[in-house]
Amino acid sequence: MAKIEKYEDLKCWQQSRLLVNQVFEVISDSSLKNEYALADQLKRSAISVMTNIAEGFSRYHKKDFIRFLDYAQSSSQEVKSLLYIVLDQKNVLTEKINEIQNNCDHCRAMILSLITHINSSLKNSNQTNEPETIYISEEHISKSKNH
């Protein structure tokens, strides 16, 4: 497995980027561009998937990363749910909408897999280890104050 050095290396981020592009494309190529509120919410929720992965990756603590990954996976399901509204309006984009909904599920599965991986690494590293520095005794501190 390749070392992950930046959020762009994460496969779930790459997949969520594809999701954003799919959503923008389906909006611009359809009557959805005239459904301002729905189009805006679709865009914002798709963007949320991608940006929460990036923001979480940039957090110092793994638990924060997990929290942002949870936001991302739930946003992917928001996109999927909003697309049901599009389908219910008898839009002729059924095949494209189904493809995007499948990608929502794929993004979610990838994100949940990453959450599981991070959680397992947290469980394995909950031990508190002594620092590798040498402790200075109280006696040594007293002597150095007197000199």
C-alpha atoms as a PDB file:
ATOM      1  CA  MET A   1       0.000   0.000   0.000  1.00  0.00           C
ATOM      2  CA  ALA A   2       1.329   3.418  -0.962  1.00  0.00           C
ATOM      3  CA  LYS A   3       2.096   5.901   1.784  1.00  0.00           C
ATOM      4  CA  ILE A   4      -0.541   8.589   2.184  1.00  0.00           C
ATOM      5  CA  GLU A   5       1.179  11.951   2.518  1.00  0.00           C
ATOM      6  CA  LYS A   6      -1.605  14.316   1.502  1.00  0.00           C
ATOM      7  CA  TYR A   7      -5.366  14.107   1.223  1.00  0.00           C
ATOM      8  CA  GLU A   8      -5.129  13.956  -2.577  1.00  0.00           C
ATOM      9  CA  ASP A   9      -3.529  10.504  -2.139  1.00  0.00           C
ATOM     10  CA  LEU A  10      -6.682   9.131  -0.507  1.00  0.00           C
ATOM     11  CA  LYS A  11      -8.753   7.030  -2.883  1.00  0.00           C
ATOM     12  CA  CYS A  12     -11.970   8.150  -1.170  1.00  0.00           C
ATOM     13  CA  TRP A  13     -11.046  11.791  -1.831  1.00  0.00           C
ATOM     14  CA  GLN A  14     -10.305  10.991  -5.477  1.00  0.00           C
ATOM     15  CA  GLN A  15     -13.664   9.214  -5.772  1.00  0.00           C
ATOM     16  CA  SER A  16     -15.461  12.122  -4.099  1.00  0.00           C
ATOM     17  CA  ARG A  17     -13.845  14.497  -6.581  1.00  0.00           C
ATOM     18  CA  LEU A  18     -15.373  12.404  -9.350  1.00  0.00           C
ATOM     19  CA  LEU A  19     -18.723  12.644  -7.543  1.00  0.00           C
ATOM     20  CA  VAL A  20     -18.507  16.453  -7.488  1.00  0.00           C
ATOM     21  CA  ASN A  21     -17.751  16.526 -11.199  1.00  0.00           C
ATOM     22  CA  GLN A  22     -20.641  14.154 -11.952  1.00  0.00           C
ATOM     23  CA  VAL A  23     -23.067  16.330  -9.998  1.00  0.00           C
ATOM     24  CA  PHE A  24     -21.903  19.542 -11.686  1.00  0.00           C
ATOM     25  CA  GLU A  25     -22.112  17.866 -15.094  1.00  0.00           C
ATOM     26  CA  VAL A  26     -25.629  16.496 -14.611  1.00  0.00           C
ATOM     27  CA  ILE A  27     -26.820  19.902 -13.403  1.00  0.00           C
ATOM     28  CA  SER A  28     -25.289  21.826 -16.295  1.00  0.00           C
ATOM     29  CA  ASP A  29     -26.539  19.329 -18.893  1.00  0.00           C
ATOM     30  CA  SER A  30     -30.149  19.249 -17.732  1.00  0.00           C
ATOM     31  CA  SER A  31     -33.139  21.244 -16.622  1.00  0.00           C
ATOM     32  CA  LEU A  32     -31.772  21.004 -13.085  1.00  0.00           C
ATOM     33  CA  LYS A  33     -29.875  24.215 -13.709  1.00  0.00           C
ATOM     34  CA  ASN A  34     -33.286  25.941 -13.538  1.00  0.00           C
ATOM     35  CA  GLU A  35     -34.092  24.286 -10.205  1.00  0.00           C
ATOM     36  CA  TYR A  36     -31.889  26.667  -8.278  1.00  0.00           C
ATOM     37  CA  ALA A  37     -32.499  25.463  -4.727  1.00  0.00           C
ATOM     38  CA  LEU A  38     -32.194  21.772  -5.581  1.00  0.00           C
ATOM     39  CA  ALA A  39     -29.159  22.321  -7.813  1.00  0.00           C
ATOM     40  CA  ASP A  40     -27.475  24.419  -5.123  1.00  0.00           C
ATOM     41  CA  GLN A  41     -28.127  21.828  -2.399  1.00  0.00           C
ATOM     42  CA  LEU A  42     -26.839  19.019  -4.652  1.00  0.00           C
ATOM     43  CA  LYS A  43     -23.658  20.955  -5.363  1.00  0.00           C
ATOM     44  CA  ARG A  44     -23.109  21.875  -1.718  1.00  0.00           C
ATOM     45  CA  SER A  45     -23.619  18.326  -0.434  1.00  0.00           C
ATOM     46  CA  ALA A  46     -21.313  16.846  -3.105  1.00  0.00           C
ATOM     47  CA  ILE A  47     -18.666  19.451  -2.330  1.00  0.00           C
ATOM     48  CA  SER A  48     -19.095  18.632   1.355  1.00  0.00           C
ATOM     49  CA  VAL A  49     -18.036  15.024   0.761  1.00  0.00           C
ATOM     50  CA  MET A  50     -14.780  16.078  -0.843  1.00  0.00           C
ATOM     51  CA  THR A  51     -13.953  18.980   1.455  1.00  0.00           C
ATOM     52  CA  ASN A  52     -14.693  17.147   4.700  1.00  0.00           C
ATOM     53  CA  ILE A  53     -12.238  14.423   3.716  1.00  0.00           C
ATOM     54  CA  ALA A  54      -9.615  17.087   3.033  1.00  0.00           C
ATOM     55  CA  GLU A  55     -10.340  19.043   6.197  1.00  0.00           C
ATOM     56  CA  GLY A  56     -10.379  15.928   8.368  1.00  0.00           C
ATOM     57  CA  PHE A  57      -7.084  14.728   6.922  1.00  0.00           C
ATOM     58  CA  SER A  58      -5.549  18.057   7.853  1.00  0.00           C
ATOM     59  CA  ARG A  59      -6.592  17.780  11.498  1.00  0.00           C
ATOM     60  CA  TYR A  60      -3.975  16.908  14.078  1.00  0.00           C
ATOM     61  CA  HIS A  61      -5.924  14.204  15.923  1.00  0.00           C
ATOM     62  CA  LYS A  62      -7.158  10.990  14.349  1.00  0.00           C
ATOM     63  CA  LYS A  63     -10.466  11.277  16.193  1.00  0.00           C
ATOM     64  CA  ASP A  64     -11.071  14.619  14.459  1.00  0.00           C
ATOM     65  CA  PHE A  65     -10.266  12.967  11.135  1.00  0.00           C
ATOM     66  CA  ILE A  66     -12.850  10.267  11.883  1.00  0.00           C
ATOM     67  CA  ARG A  67     -15.449  12.906  12.759  1.00  0.00           C
ATOM     68  CA  PHE A  68     -14.918  14.683   9.427  1.00  0.00           C
ATOM     69  CA  LEU A  69     -14.980  11.378   7.551  1.00  0.00           C
ATOM     70  CA  ASP A  70     -18.340  10.708   9.178  1.00  0.00           C
ATOM     71  CA  TYR A  71     -19.593  14.066   7.894  1.00  0.00           C
ATOM     72  CA  ALA A  72     -18.307  13.149   4.433  1.00  0.00           C
ATOM     73  CA  GLN A  73     -19.983   9.748   4.306  1.00  0.00           C
ATOM     74  CA  SER A  74     -23.293  11.211   5.462  1.00  0.00           C
ATOM     75  CA  SER A  75     -23.038  13.973   2.850  1.00  0.00           C
ATOM     76  CA  SER A  76     -22.652  11.310   0.172  1.00  0.00           C
ATOM     77  CA  GLN A  77     -25.988   9.914   1.267  1.00  0.00           C
ATOM     78  CA  GLU A  78     -27.489  13.397   1.189  1.00  0.00           C
ATOM     79  CA  VAL A  79     -26.481  13.605  -2.483  1.00  0.00           C
ATOM     80  CA  LYS A  80     -28.042  10.216  -3.118  1.00  0.00           C
ATOM     81  CA  SER A  81     -31.259  11.232  -1.384  1.00  0.00           C
ATOM     82  CA  LEU A  82     -31.509  14.521  -3.281  1.00  0.00           C
ATOM     83  CA  LEU A  83     -31.123  12.610  -6.527  1.00  0.00           C
ATOM     84  CA  TYR A  84     -34.306  10.686  -5.690  1.00  0.00           C
ATOM     85  CA  ILE A  85     -36.095  14.022  -5.926  1.00  0.00           C
ATOM     86  CA  VAL A  86     -34.674  14.419  -9.417  1.00  0.00           C
ATOM     87  CA  LEU A  87     -35.852  10.912 -10.345  1.00  0.00           C
ATOM     88  CA  ASP A  88     -39.301  11.546  -8.885  1.00  0.00           C
ATOM     89  CA  GLN A  89     -39.697  14.578 -11.140  1.00  0.00           C
ATOM     90  CA  LYS A  90     -39.587  12.204 -14.131  1.00  0.00           C
ATOM     91  CA  ASN A  91     -36.371  13.690 -15.358  1.00  0.00           C
ATOM     92  CA  VAL A  92     -34.998  11.762 -18.350  1.00  0.00           C
ATOM     93  CA  LEU A  93     -31.580  11.418 -16.713  1.00  0.00           C
ATOM     94  CA  THR A  94     -32.413   8.120 -14.995  1.00  0.00           C
ATOM     95  CA  GLU A  95     -29.282   6.277 -16.139  1.00  0.00           C
ATOM     96  CA  LYS A  96     -26.952   9.153 -15.226  1.00  0.00           C
ATOM     97  CA  ILE A  97     -28.689   9.682 -11.858  1.00  0.00           C
ATOM     98  CA  ASN A  98     -28.372   5.972 -11.054  1.00  0.00           C
ATOM     99  CA  GLU A  99     -24.664   6.121 -11.925  1.00  0.00           C
ATOM    100  CA  ILE A 100     -24.146   9.042  -9.554  1.00  0.00           C
ATOM    101  CA  GLN A 101     -26.143   7.324  -6.800  1.00  0.00           C
ATOM    102  CA  ASN A 102     -23.948   4.254  -7.204  1.00  0.00           C
ATOM    103  CA  ASN A 103     -20.901   6.493  -6.877  1.00  0.00           C
ATOM    104  CA  CYS A 104     -22.406   7.947  -3.676  1.00  0.00           C
ATOM    105  CA  ASP A 105     -22.560   4.421  -2.252  1.00  0.00           C
ATOM    106  CA  HIS A 106     -19.037   3.696  -3.488  1.00  0.00           C
ATOM    107  CA  CYS A 107     -17.685   6.870  -1.844  1.00  0.00           C
ATOM    108  CA  ARG A 108     -19.482   6.014   1.374  1.00  0.00           C
ATOM    109  CA  ALA A 109     -18.092   2.468   1.418  1.00  0.00           C
ATOM    110  CA  MET A 110     -14.564   3.751   0.865  1.00  0.00           C
ATOM    111  CA  ILE A 111     -14.914   6.355   3.606  1.00  0.00           C
ATOM    112  CA  LEU A 112     -16.376   3.840   6.069  1.00  0.00           C
ATOM    113  CA  SER A 113     -13.506   1.480   5.285  1.00  0.00           C
ATOM    114  CA  LEU A 114     -11.035   4.266   6.074  1.00  0.00           C
ATOM    115  CA  ILE A 115     -12.879   5.030   9.325  1.00  0.00           C
ATOM    116  CA  THR A 116     -12.629   1.354  10.298  1.00  0.00           C
ATOM    117  CA  HIS A 117      -8.908   1.357   9.517  1.00  0.00           C
ATOM    118  CA  ILE A 118      -8.262   4.503  11.559  1.00  0.00           C
ATOM    119  CA  ASN A 119     -10.359   3.202  14.465  1.00  0.00           C
ATOM    120  CA  SER A 120      -8.356  -0.027  14.542  1.00  0.00           C
ATOM    121  CA  SER A 121      -5.106   1.944  14.567  1.00  0.00           C
ATOM    122  CA  LEU A 122      -6.440   3.984  17.509  1.00  0.00           C
ATOM    123  CA  LYS A 123      -7.296   0.830  19.455  1.00  0.00           C
ATOM    124  CA  ASN A 124      -3.813  -0.517  18.881  1.00  0.00           C
ATOM    125  CA  SER A 125      -2.142   2.699  19.970  1.00  0.00           C
ATOM    126  CA  ASN A 126      -4.105   3.558  23.108  1.00  0.00           C
ATOM    127  CA  GLN A 127      -1.164   2.585  25.291  1.00  0.00           C
ATOM    128  CA  THR A 128       0.683   5.404  26.912  1.00  0.00           C
ATOM    129  CA  ASN A 129       4.376   4.986  26.363  1.00  0.00           C
ATOM    130  CA  GLU A 130       7.090   6.627  28.377  1.00  0.00           C
ATOM    131  CA  PRO A 131       8.916   9.333  26.491  1.00  0.00           C
ATOM    132  CA  GLU A 132      12.381   8.415  25.380  1.00  0.00           C
ATOM    133  CA  THR A 133      13.972  11.351  27.201  1.00  0.00           C
ATOM    134  CA  ILE A 134      16.063  10.930  30.297  1.00  0.00           C
ATOM    135  CA  TYR A 135      14.391  12.088  33.479  1.00  0.00           C
ATOM    136  CA  ILE A 136      16.302  14.433  35.719  1.00  0.00           C
ATOM    137  CA  SER A 137      16.103  13.514  39.384  1.00  0.00           C
ATOM    138  CA  GLU A 138      14.975  15.991  42.037  1.00  0.00           C
ATOM    139  CA  GLU A 139      18.418  15.673  43.614  1.00  0.00           C
ATOM    140  CA  HIS A 140      20.048  16.769  40.362  1.00  0.00           C
ATOM    141  CA  ILE A 141      17.710  19.770  40.090  1.00  0.00           C
ATOM    142  CA  SER A 142      18.508  20.838  43.679  1.00  0.00           C
ATOM    143  CA  LYS A 143      22.244  20.630  43.074  1.00  0.00           C
ATOM    144  CA  SER A 144      22.044  22.683  39.894  1.00  0.00           C
ATOM    145  CA  LYS A 145      20.040  25.420  41.665  1.00  0.00           C
ATOM    146  CA  ASN A 146      22.717  25.709  44.375  1.00  0.00           C
ATOM    147  CA  HIS A 147      25.547  26.107  41.882  1.00  0.00           C
END
